[in-house]
């Protein structure tokens, strides 16, 4: 397992609502295993496992 090197404002892709589709967004918050991401018009807070760097 490699450590995350994410920072707020960084581009990332998210598995929106865990539905299997990946969308581009920006990281808005970080805290432990929780991560916030803003998409084009939508936001969500979820677990780091549903994110990947772009």
N, C-alpha and C. Protein backbone atom coordinates (compact mmCIF):
# COMPACT_ATOMS: atom_id res chain seq x y z
N UNK A 1 0.84 -1.16 0.00
CA UNK A 1 0.00 0.00 0.00
C UNK A 1 0.90 1.24 0.00
N UNK A 2 0.61 2.18 -0.89
CA UNK A 2 1.41 3.40 -0.90
C UNK A 2 0.65 4.51 -0.19
N UNK A 3 1.36 5.42 0.46
CA UNK A 3 0.68 6.50 1.17
C UNK A 3 0.08 7.51 0.18
N UNK A 4 -0.98 8.16 0.60
CA UNK A 4 -1.60 9.21 -0.22
C UNK A 4 -0.77 10.48 -0.11
N UNK A 5 -0.62 11.19 -1.21
CA UNK A 5 0.07 12.48 -1.20
C UNK A 5 -0.88 13.58 -1.66
N UNK A 6 -2.16 13.43 -1.31
CA UNK A 6 -3.18 14.36 -1.73
C UNK A 6 -3.16 15.62 -0.88
N UNK A 7 -3.55 16.73 -1.49
CA UNK A 7 -3.71 17.99 -0.78
C UNK A 7 -5.02 18.64 -1.26
N UNK A 8 -5.58 19.50 -0.42
CA UNK A 8 -6.80 20.21 -0.79
C UNK A 8 -6.54 21.05 -2.03
N UNK A 9 -7.46 20.99 -2.98
CA UNK A 9 -7.34 21.70 -4.24
C UNK A 9 -6.77 20.87 -5.38
N UNK A 10 -6.24 19.70 -5.05
CA UNK A 10 -5.65 18.81 -6.06
C UNK A 10 -6.74 18.15 -6.90
N UNK A 11 -6.46 17.96 -8.19
CA UNK A 11 -7.38 17.24 -9.06
C UNK A 11 -7.36 15.76 -8.71
N UNK A 12 -8.53 15.16 -8.74
CA UNK A 12 -8.66 13.73 -8.46
C UNK A 12 -9.90 13.22 -9.17
N UNK A 13 -10.04 11.91 -9.23
CA UNK A 13 -11.24 11.30 -9.79
C UNK A 13 -11.95 10.58 -8.67
N UNK A 14 -13.27 10.62 -8.70
CA UNK A 14 -14.06 9.97 -7.67
C UNK A 14 -15.07 9.00 -8.24
N UNK A 15 -15.26 7.93 -7.52
CA UNK A 15 -16.29 6.94 -7.83
C UNK A 15 -17.57 7.45 -7.18
N UNK A 16 -18.28 8.32 -7.88
CA UNK A 16 -19.41 9.05 -7.32
C UNK A 16 -20.47 8.11 -6.77
N UNK A 17 -20.74 8.26 -5.48
CA UNK A 17 -21.73 7.46 -4.74
C UNK A 17 -21.44 5.97 -4.82
N UNK A 18 -20.20 5.59 -5.15
CA UNK A 18 -19.82 4.18 -5.20
C UNK A 18 -20.50 3.40 -6.31
N UNK A 19 -21.01 4.12 -7.33
CA UNK A 19 -21.78 3.47 -8.40
C UNK A 19 -20.91 2.86 -9.49
N UNK A 20 -19.59 3.07 -9.43
CA UNK A 20 -18.70 2.46 -10.41
C UNK A 20 -18.26 3.38 -11.53
N UNK A 21 -18.86 4.57 -11.62
CA UNK A 21 -18.46 5.54 -12.64
C UNK A 21 -17.53 6.57 -12.03
N UNK A 22 -16.41 6.85 -12.69
CA UNK A 22 -15.39 7.78 -12.18
C UNK A 22 -15.54 9.13 -12.86
N UNK A 23 -15.51 10.19 -12.04
CA UNK A 23 -15.67 11.55 -12.54
C UNK A 23 -14.54 12.44 -12.02
N UNK A 24 -14.15 13.43 -12.83
CA UNK A 24 -13.11 14.37 -12.44
C UNK A 24 -13.66 15.36 -11.42
N UNK A 25 -12.80 15.73 -10.48
CA UNK A 25 -13.18 16.70 -9.47
C UNK A 25 -11.95 17.25 -8.78
N UNK A 26 -12.17 18.01 -7.71
CA UNK A 26 -11.09 18.56 -6.90
C UNK A 26 -11.34 18.22 -5.44
N UNK A 27 -10.26 17.93 -4.73
CA UNK A 27 -10.34 17.60 -3.31
C UNK A 27 -10.67 18.87 -2.53
N UNK A 28 -11.70 18.77 -1.66
CA UNK A 28 -12.11 19.93 -0.87
C UNK A 28 -11.83 19.76 0.62
N UNK A 29 -11.66 18.52 1.08
CA UNK A 29 -11.35 18.29 2.48
C UNK A 29 -10.69 16.92 2.65
N UNK A 30 -9.88 16.81 3.69
CA UNK A 30 -9.18 15.56 4.01
C UNK A 30 -9.23 15.37 5.52
N UNK A 31 -9.48 14.14 5.96
CA UNK A 31 -9.50 13.84 7.38
C UNK A 31 -9.52 12.35 7.62
N UNK A 32 -8.38 11.77 7.94
CA UNK A 32 -8.31 10.32 8.14
C UNK A 32 -8.64 9.60 6.85
N UNK A 33 -9.63 8.72 6.92
CA UNK A 33 -10.05 7.98 5.73
C UNK A 33 -11.16 8.70 4.97
N UNK A 34 -11.57 9.87 5.43
CA UNK A 34 -12.62 10.63 4.75
C UNK A 34 -12.01 11.67 3.83
N UNK A 35 -12.66 11.85 2.69
CA UNK A 35 -12.19 12.83 1.72
C UNK A 35 -13.41 13.49 1.08
N UNK A 36 -13.34 14.79 0.91
CA UNK A 36 -14.40 15.53 0.24
C UNK A 36 -13.94 15.86 -1.17
N UNK A 37 -14.85 15.77 -2.11
CA UNK A 37 -14.52 16.09 -3.50
C UNK A 37 -15.68 16.86 -4.11
N UNK A 38 -15.33 17.86 -4.90
CA UNK A 38 -16.32 18.66 -5.61
C UNK A 38 -16.22 18.33 -7.09
N UNK A 39 -17.35 17.95 -7.65
CA UNK A 39 -17.44 17.67 -9.07
C UNK A 39 -18.06 18.91 -9.72
N UNK A 40 -18.35 18.84 -10.98
CA UNK A 40 -19.00 19.93 -11.68
C UNK A 40 -20.46 20.01 -11.23
N UNK A 41 -20.72 20.77 -10.17
CA UNK A 41 -22.08 20.93 -9.68
C UNK A 41 -22.48 20.03 -8.53
N UNK A 42 -21.74 18.99 -8.21
CA UNK A 42 -22.05 18.08 -7.11
C UNK A 42 -20.87 17.98 -6.17
N UNK A 43 -21.16 17.60 -4.92
CA UNK A 43 -20.13 17.39 -3.90
C UNK A 43 -20.45 16.11 -3.15
N UNK A 44 -19.42 15.49 -2.58
CA UNK A 44 -19.65 14.37 -1.68
C UNK A 44 -18.47 14.21 -0.75
N UNK A 45 -18.74 13.61 0.39
CA UNK A 45 -17.70 13.21 1.33
C UNK A 45 -17.79 11.71 1.45
N UNK A 46 -16.67 11.03 1.26
CA UNK A 46 -16.67 9.58 1.26
C UNK A 46 -15.31 9.08 1.74
N UNK A 47 -15.00 7.83 1.48
CA UNK A 47 -13.74 7.22 1.92
C UNK A 47 -12.67 7.34 0.85
N UNK A 48 -11.42 7.33 1.27
CA UNK A 48 -10.30 7.48 0.35
C UNK A 48 -10.25 6.38 -0.70
N UNK A 49 -10.78 5.22 -0.43
CA UNK A 49 -10.76 4.12 -1.39
C UNK A 49 -11.59 4.37 -2.64
N UNK A 50 -12.42 5.40 -2.60
CA UNK A 50 -13.23 5.73 -3.78
C UNK A 50 -12.66 6.92 -4.52
N UNK A 51 -11.38 7.18 -4.38
CA UNK A 51 -10.68 8.27 -5.04
C UNK A 51 -9.43 7.76 -5.70
N UNK A 52 -9.04 8.45 -6.74
CA UNK A 52 -7.75 8.15 -7.37
C UNK A 52 -7.19 9.46 -7.93
N UNK A 53 -5.89 9.57 -7.93
CA UNK A 53 -5.22 10.76 -8.47
C UNK A 53 -5.34 10.77 -9.97
N UNK A 54 -5.35 11.96 -10.54
CA UNK A 54 -5.43 12.09 -12.00
C UNK A 54 -4.04 12.21 -12.57
